[in-house]
Protein backbone atom coordinates (compact mmCIF):
# COMPACT_ATOMS: atom_id res chain seq x y z
CA MET A 1 0.00 0.00 0.00
CA ASN A 2 1.69 3.22 -1.16
CA LYS A 3 0.52 6.72 -0.24
CA ASN A 4 -1.74 7.00 -3.28
CA LEU A 5 -3.56 3.78 -2.37
CA TRP A 6 -4.08 4.91 1.23
CA LEU A 7 -5.57 8.20 0.02
CA LEU A 8 -7.75 6.35 -2.48
CA ALA A 9 -8.92 4.02 0.30
CA LEU A 10 -9.89 7.10 2.34
CA CYS A 11 -11.84 8.46 -0.64
CA GLN A 12 -13.54 5.07 -0.92
CA GLY A 13 -14.52 5.32 2.75
CA LEU A 14 -15.98 8.80 2.26
CA PHE A 15 -17.80 7.56 -0.86
CA LEU A 16 -19.34 4.75 1.18
CA THR A 17 -20.26 7.21 3.92
CA ASN A 18 -22.37 9.00 1.31
CA ASN A 19 -23.88 5.73 0.07
CA VAL A 20 -24.73 4.40 3.53
CA VAL A 21 -26.39 7.64 4.58
CA PHE A 22 -28.41 7.64 1.35
CA ILE A 23 -29.51 4.04 1.91
CA ALA A 24 -30.31 4.67 5.57
CA ILE A 25 -32.42 7.79 5.12
CA ASN A 26 -33.66 8.13 1.53
CA GLY A 27 -36.30 5.43 1.90
CA LEU A 28 -37.55 6.93 5.19
CA VAL A 29 -37.58 10.50 3.85
CA GLY A 30 -39.27 9.15 0.73
CA LEU A 31 -41.90 7.42 2.88
CA GLN A 32 -42.66 10.73 4.60
CA LEU A 33 -42.96 12.70 1.35
CA ALA A 34 -44.22 10.16 -1.22
CA PRO A 35 -47.87 10.29 -2.27
CA PHE A 36 -48.06 6.48 -2.01
CA GLY A 37 -46.18 4.08 0.27
CA TRP A 38 -44.89 1.85 -2.54
CA MET A 39 -43.01 4.87 -3.92
CA ALA A 40 -40.89 5.21 -0.76
CA THR A 41 -37.71 3.81 -2.31
CA LEU A 42 -37.94 5.88 -5.50
CA PRO A 43 -35.22 8.22 -4.15
CA VAL A 44 -33.01 5.14 -3.66
CA MET A 45 -33.86 4.03 -7.17
CA GLY A 46 -33.09 7.54 -8.46
CA TYR A 47 -29.55 7.25 -7.15
CA VAL A 48 -28.82 4.07 -9.09
CA VAL A 49 -30.74 5.18 -12.21
CA GLY A 50 -28.60 8.30 -12.20
CA GLY A 51 -25.54 6.08 -11.91
CA ALA A 52 -26.64 3.96 -14.88
CA LEU A 53 -27.35 7.03 -17.02
CA SER A 54 -24.01 8.55 -16.04
CA THR A 55 -21.76 5.60 -16.90
CA PRO A 56 -21.19 6.64 -20.54
CA LEU A 57 -20.57 10.24 -19.49
CA VAL A 58 -18.09 9.14 -16.83
CA ALA A 59 -16.33 6.76 -19.24
CA ARG A 60 -16.04 9.62 -21.72
CA SER A 61 -14.67 12.04 -19.11
CA GLN A 62 -12.19 9.43 -17.88
CA ALA A 63 -10.95 8.87 -21.45
CA LEU A 64 -10.65 12.60 -22.20
CA TRP A 65 -9.33 14.06 -18.95
CA GLY A 66 -8.04 11.14 -16.88
CA ARG A 67 -8.80 9.89 -13.39
CA ARG A 68 -8.10 13.03 -11.35
CA VAL A 69 -10.32 15.50 -13.24
CA SER A 70 -13.16 13.01 -13.64
CA PHE A 71 -13.13 12.02 -9.97
CA GLN A 72 -13.07 15.65 -8.81
CA LEU A 73 -15.97 16.45 -11.12
CA GLY A 74 -17.91 13.60 -9.51
CA LEU A 75 -17.22 15.02 -6.05
CA ALA A 76 -18.42 18.47 -7.14
CA VAL A 77 -21.67 16.82 -8.24
CA ALA A 78 -21.84 15.07 -4.83
CA PHE A 79 -21.71 18.45 -3.10
CA LEU A 80 -24.40 19.92 -5.37
CA SER A 81 -26.73 16.92 -5.11
CA ALA A 82 -26.52 16.84 -1.30
CA ALA A 83 -27.50 20.52 -1.27
CA LEU A 84 -30.49 19.75 -3.51
CA CYS A 85 -31.55 16.87 -1.22
CA ALA A 86 -31.43 19.20 1.79
CA TRP A 87 -33.54 21.74 -0.07
CA ALA A 88 -36.05 19.02 -1.00
CA ALA A 89 -36.28 17.89 2.65
CA PHE A 90 -36.82 21.45 3.93
CA SER A 91 -39.45 22.18 1.25
CA ALA A 92 -41.13 18.73 1.55
CA HIS A 93 -40.79 18.25 -2.22
CA PHE A 94 -40.75 14.54 -3.07
CA TRP A 95 -39.98 14.86 -6.79
CA LEU A 96 -37.13 17.30 -6.15
CA LEU A 97 -35.65 14.69 -3.79
CA CYS A 98 -35.91 12.07 -6.55
CA ALA A 99 -34.31 14.43 -9.08
CA ALA A 100 -31.48 15.26 -6.66
CA THR A 101 -30.67 11.60 -6.15
CA VAL A 102 -30.62 11.06 -9.92
CA VAL A 103 -28.02 13.85 -10.15
CA ALA A 104 -26.08 12.22 -7.30
CA GLY A 105 -25.79 9.11 -9.45
CA TYR A 106 -23.01 10.80 -11.41
CA TYR A 107 -20.89 10.75 -8.26
CA SER A 108 -21.76 7.11 -7.70
CA ALA A 109 -20.69 6.20 -11.24
CA ASN A 110 -17.33 7.87 -10.54
CA GLY A 111 -16.90 6.25 -7.14
CA GLN A 112 -17.46 2.80 -8.62
CA LEU A 113 -14.21 3.28 -10.57
CA TYR A 114 -12.03 3.82 -7.49
CA ARG A 115 -11.37 0.07 -7.30
CA PHE A 116 -10.14 -0.05 -10.91
CA ALA A 117 -7.92 2.98 -10.29
CA ALA A 118 -6.45 1.08 -7.32
CA ALA A 119 -5.36 -1.75 -9.64
CA GLU A 120 -3.57 0.79 -11.84
CA LEU A 121 -1.68 2.28 -8.88
CA ALA A 122 -0.19 -1.09 -7.85
CA ALA A 123 2.33 -3.44 -9.43
CA PRO A 124 0.65 -6.16 -11.57
CA ALA A 125 1.46 -8.91 -9.04
CA PHE A 126 -0.41 -7.04 -6.30
CA ARG A 127 -3.52 -5.89 -8.17
CA GLU A 128 -5.87 -8.27 -6.34
CA LYS A 129 -4.63 -7.03 -2.97
CA ALA A 130 -4.79 -3.38 -4.07
CA VAL A 131 -8.43 -3.73 -5.18
CA SER A 132 -9.32 -5.60 -1.99
CA LEU A 133 -7.57 -3.20 0.37
CA VAL A 134 -8.97 -0.05 -1.24
CA LEU A 135 -12.43 -1.57 -0.97
CA ALA A 136 -11.61 -2.15 2.71
CA GLY A 137 -11.54 1.64 3.02
CA GLY A 138 -15.32 1.33 3.00
CA LEU A 139 -15.04 0.42 6.69
CA LEU A 140 -14.96 4.16 7.31
CA GLY A 141 -18.40 4.36 5.72
CA ALA A 142 -19.56 1.44 7.84
CA VAL A 143 -18.89 3.39 11.02
CA ALA A 144 -19.32 6.99 9.88
CA GLY A 145 -22.43 6.52 7.69
CA PRO A 146 -24.95 5.14 10.22
CA ASN A 147 -23.62 7.33 13.03
CA LEU A 148 -23.73 10.41 10.82
CA ALA A 149 -27.35 9.65 9.91
CA SER A 150 -28.31 9.09 13.55
CA GLY A 151 -26.38 12.06 14.92
CA THR A 152 -27.78 14.58 12.42
CA ARG A 153 -31.32 13.19 12.22
CA THR A 154 -32.76 15.83 14.59
CA LEU A 155 -30.26 18.61 13.87
CA PHE A 156 -33.10 20.62 12.31
CA ALA A 157 -36.87 20.55 12.74
CA VAL A 158 -37.09 18.65 9.43
CA PRO A 159 -35.95 15.04 10.03
CA PHE A 160 -32.71 14.07 8.23
CA ALA A 161 -32.17 17.48 6.59
CA GLY A 162 -29.03 17.80 8.69
CA ALA A 163 -27.69 14.52 7.26
CA TYR A 164 -27.78 15.93 3.73
CA ILE A 165 -25.94 19.06 4.86
CA ALA A 166 -23.31 16.86 6.56
CA LEU A 167 -22.80 15.05 3.24
CA MET A 168 -21.86 18.37 1.65
CA LEU A 169 -18.95 18.57 4.11
CA VAL A 170 -18.03 14.93 3.39
CA ALA A 171 -17.79 15.79 -0.34
CA LEU A 172 -15.47 18.71 0.39
CA LEU A 173 -13.21 16.52 2.55
CA SER A 174 -13.06 13.89 -0.19
CA MET A 175 -12.11 16.54 -2.76
CA ALA A 176 -9.15 17.53 -0.60
CA CYS A 177 -8.00 13.90 -0.31
CA MET A 178 -8.44 13.24 -4.02
CA ALA A 179 -6.33 16.29 -4.88
CA ALA A 180 -3.36 14.63 -3.15
CA VAL A 181 -3.58 11.36 -5.14
CA ARG A 182 -1.04 11.06 -7.95
CA PHE A 183 -2.52 9.19 -10.91
CA GLU A 184 -0.76 8.31 -14.14
CA SER A 185 -0.77 11.30 -16.46
CA LYS A 186 -3.35 11.24 -19.20
CA ALA A 187 -2.29 12.56 -22.57
CA PRO A 188 -5.11 14.56 -24.22
CA PRO A 189 -6.39 13.24 -27.55
CA ALA A 190 -5.07 14.94 -30.64
CA PRO A 191 -7.51 17.66 -31.83
CA GLY A 192 -9.63 16.51 -34.71
CA SER A 193 -7.97 13.13 -34.87
CA GLY A 194 -11.33 11.36 -35.19
CA ALA A 195 -9.59 8.04 -34.68
CA PRO A 196 -11.86 5.18 -33.60
CA PRO A 197 -11.28 3.85 -30.08
CA ALA A 198 -8.68 1.10 -29.91
CA GLY A 199 -9.41 -2.43 -28.78
CA ARG A 200 -12.33 -4.79 -29.14
CA SER A 201 -15.95 -3.70 -29.23
CA LEU A 202 -18.27 -4.16 -26.26
CA GLY A 203 -20.00 -7.02 -28.05
CA GLU A 204 -16.69 -8.85 -28.46
CA LEU A 205 -15.83 -8.30 -24.80
CA LEU A 206 -19.21 -9.65 -23.65
CA ARG A 207 -18.73 -12.77 -25.75
CA GLN A 208 -15.71 -13.68 -23.63
CA PRO A 209 -16.87 -16.16 -20.97
CA ALA A 210 -14.68 -14.67 -18.22
CA PHE A 211 -15.84 -11.11 -18.88
CA ALA A 212 -19.49 -12.16 -19.17
CA VAL A 213 -19.37 -14.01 -15.84
CA ALA A 214 -17.57 -11.05 -14.23
CA VAL A 215 -20.37 -8.74 -15.37
CA LEU A 216 -23.03 -11.20 -14.19
CA GLY A 217 -21.37 -11.65 -10.78
CA ALA A 218 -20.94 -7.92 -10.21
CA ALA A 219 -24.45 -6.99 -11.39
CA LEU A 220 -26.45 -9.73 -9.66
CA GLY A 221 -24.28 -9.65 -6.54
CA TYR A 222 -24.84 -5.93 -6.18
CA GLY A 223 -28.51 -6.28 -7.15
CA VAL A 224 -29.29 -8.86 -4.46
CA MET A 225 -27.38 -6.87 -1.86
CA ASN A 226 -29.27 -3.71 -2.81
CA LEU A 227 -32.63 -5.50 -2.84
CA LEU A 228 -32.25 -6.57 0.79
CA MET A 229 -30.28 -3.61 2.13
CA ALA A 230 -32.56 -0.88 0.76
CA ALA A 231 -35.61 -2.56 2.33
CA THR A 232 -34.06 -3.14 5.76
CA PRO A 233 -34.86 0.27 7.33
CA LEU A 234 -38.46 0.01 6.10
CA ALA A 235 -38.84 -3.61 7.23
CA MET A 236 -37.45 -2.82 10.68
CA GLN A 237 -39.75 0.17 11.03
CA VAL A 238 -42.73 -2.07 10.20
CA CYS A 239 -41.48 -4.50 12.89
CA GLY A 240 -41.47 -1.67 15.45
CA PHE A 241 -37.71 -1.10 15.73
CA SER A 242 -36.26 2.40 16.11
CA PHE A 243 -34.11 4.13 13.50
CA ASP A 244 -31.09 3.74 15.78
CA SER A 245 -31.59 -0.05 15.68
CA ALA A 246 -31.78 0.03 11.88
CA ALA A 247 -28.62 2.17 11.77
CA LEU A 248 -26.80 -0.40 13.93
CA VAL A 249 -27.86 -3.23 11.60
CA LEU A 250 -26.68 -1.23 8.58
CA GLU A 251 -23.39 -0.56 10.34
CA TRP A 252 -22.76 -4.30 10.77
CA HIS A 253 -23.85 -4.86 7.18
CA VAL A 254 -21.30 -2.39 5.81
CA ILE A 255 -18.62 -3.82 8.13
CA GLY A 256 -19.39 -7.17 6.52
CA MET A 257 -19.07 -5.55 3.08
CA PHE A 258 -15.62 -4.07 3.62
CA ALA A 259 -13.81 -5.67 6.56
CA PRO A 260 -13.03 -8.77 4.43
CA GLY A 261 -11.10 -6.44 2.13
CA PHE A 262 -8.08 -6.98 4.35
CA PHE A 263 -7.92 -10.65 3.37
CA THR A 264 -10.11 -11.21 0.26
CA GLY A 265 -7.14 -10.45 -1.99
CA HIS A 266 -5.07 -13.08 -0.16
CA LEU A 267 -7.89 -15.61 -0.55
CA ILE A 268 -8.12 -14.94 -4.27
CA LYS A 269 -4.35 -15.38 -4.62
CA ARG A 270 -4.44 -18.64 -2.66
CA LEU A 271 -7.73 -20.26 -3.75
CA GLY A 272 -8.51 -18.59 -7.07
CA THR A 273 -11.08 -16.03 -8.14
CA LEU A 274 -14.00 -18.33 -8.98
CA PRO A 275 -14.00 -20.35 -5.70
CA VAL A 276 -14.04 -17.10 -3.70
CA MET A 277 -16.94 -15.79 -5.78
CA LEU A 278 -18.80 -19.08 -5.30
CA ALA A 279 -18.27 -18.77 -1.54
CA GLY A 280 -19.93 -15.35 -1.80
CA VAL A 281 -23.01 -16.92 -3.38
CA VAL A 282 -23.18 -19.52 -0.58
CA LEU A 283 -22.94 -16.82 2.10
CA ASN A 284 -25.79 -14.91 0.47
CA LEU A 285 -27.92 -18.06 0.48
CA VAL A 286 -27.20 -18.50 4.20
CA CYS A 287 -28.21 -14.84 4.69
CA VAL A 288 -31.60 -15.53 3.10
CA GLY A 289 -32.07 -18.59 5.32
CA ILE A 290 -31.43 -16.55 8.48
CA ALA A 291 -33.71 -13.73 7.32
CA LEU A 292 -36.54 -16.22 6.75
CA SER A 293 -36.07 -17.79 10.19
CA GLY A 294 -37.19 -14.73 12.21
CA GLN A 295 -37.55 -10.95 12.47
CA GLU A 296 -35.70 -10.10 15.67
CA ILE A 297 -32.69 -7.79 15.88
CA MET A 298 -30.30 -10.77 15.85
CA HIS A 299 -31.86 -12.10 12.64
CA PHE A 300 -31.59 -8.76 10.84
CA THR A 301 -28.03 -8.23 12.09
CA ALA A 302 -26.70 -11.69 11.23
CA ALA A 303 -28.42 -11.80 7.85
CA LEU A 304 -27.21 -8.35 6.78
CA PHE A 305 -23.66 -9.04 8.01
CA LEU A 306 -23.42 -12.24 5.94
CA LEU A 307 -25.01 -10.42 3.00
CA GLY A 308 -22.17 -7.90 3.21
CA VAL A 309 -19.42 -10.56 3.36
CA GLY A 310 -20.99 -12.44 0.45
CA TRP A 311 -21.16 -9.23 -1.59
CA ASN A 312 -17.47 -8.54 -0.87
CA PHE A 313 -16.40 -11.95 -2.15
CA LEU A 314 -18.55 -11.62 -5.27
CA PHE A 315 -17.68 -8.02 -6.08
CA THR A 316 -13.93 -8.21 -5.40
CA GLY A 317 -13.79 -11.46 -7.36
CA SER A 318 -15.77 -9.99 -10.27
CA THR A 319 -13.46 -6.98 -10.43
CA THR A 320 -10.36 -9.21 -10.39
CA LEU A 321 -11.84 -11.52 -13.03
CA ALA A 322 -12.78 -8.60 -15.27
CA ILE A 323 -9.26 -7.09 -15.13
CA THR A 324 -7.88 -10.29 -16.66
CA ALA A 325 -10.38 -10.17 -19.53
CA TYR A 326 -9.68 -6.79 -21.16
CA ARG A 327 -6.64 -4.98 -22.51
CA PRO A 328 -5.36 -1.62 -21.19
CA GLU A 329 -6.71 0.28 -24.20
CA GLU A 330 -10.17 -1.24 -23.56
CA LYS A 331 -10.40 -0.30 -19.87
CA ASP A 332 -12.77 2.69 -20.19
CA ARG A 333 -15.20 0.75 -22.38
CA ALA A 334 -15.04 -2.41 -20.23
CA GLN A 335 -15.30 -0.65 -16.86
CA GLY A 336 -18.14 1.55 -18.11
CA ALA A 337 -20.04 -1.53 -19.28
CA ILE A 338 -19.61 -3.32 -15.96
CA ASN A 339 -20.82 -0.30 -14.03
CA PHE A 340 -23.78 0.20 -16.38
CA PHE A 341 -25.01 -3.36 -15.80
CA VAL A 342 -24.47 -2.95 -12.05
CA PHE A 343 -26.48 0.27 -11.91
CA ALA A 344 -29.23 -1.04 -14.21
CA THR A 345 -29.68 -4.09 -11.95
CA MET A 346 -29.65 -1.91 -8.85
CA ALA A 347 -32.29 0.38 -10.37
CA VAL A 348 -34.65 -2.57 -10.82
CA THR A 349 -33.98 -3.94 -7.33
CA SER A 350 -34.37 -0.51 -5.70
CA LEU A 351 -37.90 -0.15 -7.04
CA ALA A 352 -38.71 -3.81 -6.39
CA SER A 353 -37.36 -3.50 -2.85
CA GLY A 354 -39.83 -0.84 -1.74
CA ALA A 355 -42.73 -2.39 -3.65
CA LEU A 356 -42.16 -5.91 -2.27
CA VAL A 357 -41.52 -4.99 1.36
CA THR A 358 -44.54 -2.65 1.57
CA THR A 359 -46.96 -4.95 -0.27
CA SER A 360 -45.74 -8.53 0.31
CA GLY A 361 -43.48 -8.34 3.35
CA TRP A 362 -39.89 -9.12 4.32
CA SER A 363 -40.16 -12.89 3.74
CA TRP A 364 -41.28 -12.63 0.12
CA LEU A 365 -38.57 -10.06 -0.51
CA ASN A 366 -35.94 -12.56 0.59
CA LEU A 367 -37.46 -15.35 -1.48
CA ALA A 368 -37.27 -13.07 -4.54
CA SER A 369 -33.49 -12.92 -4.12
CA LEU A 370 -33.04 -16.67 -4.63
CA PRO A 371 -33.34 -16.88 -8.47
CA PRO A 372 -30.50 -14.37 -9.20
CA LEU A 373 -28.30 -16.04 -6.59
CA LEU A 374 -28.85 -19.48 -8.11
CA LEU A 375 -28.21 -18.09 -11.61
CA THR A 376 -24.91 -16.56 -10.47
CA GLY A 377 -23.86 -19.82 -8.83
CA ALA A 378 -24.68 -21.77 -11.99
CA ALA A 379 -22.66 -19.36 -14.15
CA LEU A 380 -19.63 -19.69 -11.84
CA LEU A 381 -19.81 -23.49 -11.89
CA TRP A 382 -20.07 -23.42 -15.70
CA LEU A 383 -16.97 -21.21 -16.04
CA MET A 384 -15.02 -23.36 -13.56
CA ALA A 385 -15.86 -26.49 -15.59
CA ARG A 386 -14.93 -24.72 -18.81
CA GLN A 387 -11.55 -23.66 -17.41
CA ARG A 388 -10.84 -27.19 -16.13
CA ARG A 389 -11.56 -28.60 -19.61
CA ALA A 390 -9.23 -26.02 -21.16
CA VAL A 391 -6.42 -26.97 -18.75
CA ALA A 392 -6.97 -30.65 -19.38
CA ALA A 393 -6.90 -30.08 -23.17
């Protein structure tokens, strides 16, 4: 871990602080302002829809201006969108809140590239560990996010308005940290060159089994995690638990997401990428089993913690697998595609999360997560068998 990676890990932690606060409060603020209960998680959905819509813009800005400028632009958008969310909360304007979270998606699309930037800042032999350890920076978000939401909840007469204002300060702090990171210089394209982008097309990349499974693992792993996590504050409120209890559960969930970052890279080096990803699927299945067994604090806490660990194994593994499947000149196209599929899946699960938990309940929500988990597991087993046959041949 060199200085640049430590700073990038800190930026990752501040990024996750923003994400955790959004997950913790947007559904509850949405429930207060929405005309209908099933629309409560639309602000959560807006965040990921904005991320999906922003992926081509972010890929373009990364290609034109490089990591530093693009990341700082994303942080400027984070500051602006948090200000808009605060305004929406003070004015009780539901659709302004949704629009603000769509704008915030541009920041999310940038933040999702921090892990790829980490791989570029490390020697090739240590890329797995660099990705894993920078993701471990999310532990800051695990602690700071829920406590920030709880501590600022009653700062003003309008519930949670103070949390959005606090996120403006988080964005400014992250901008200062990002300014100190030294990325590889990016040569500007020649004016009027009009040269087509180098490397294979997106269709060719997606026809590669390793890249296709990496996309599937990242998208469905994130989708299942988002489906259950976004609904947790609402489900716990229905069960009569306080917001502080929900914040504690989310804190353990995010610890589960990022604490394994200190050793996931070692596991991938030792056991291989696909076995670690398959272990992530198994942990998510165990999470669903615990969630279906009861609705006490211990059930929510244990289930969400295992959900986080399973996501870490799947997402770190998917990132590592993807890096092996594209060439350096294809990175902007490949990384943009992965993030687009992740955000598109999260958009669907964000809407489904609120609709299912408010109409069908927590149990049916968990049952709905089983098909994508089983599909991911089947894809991993297929790729493992394919690779074994290739080695044998």
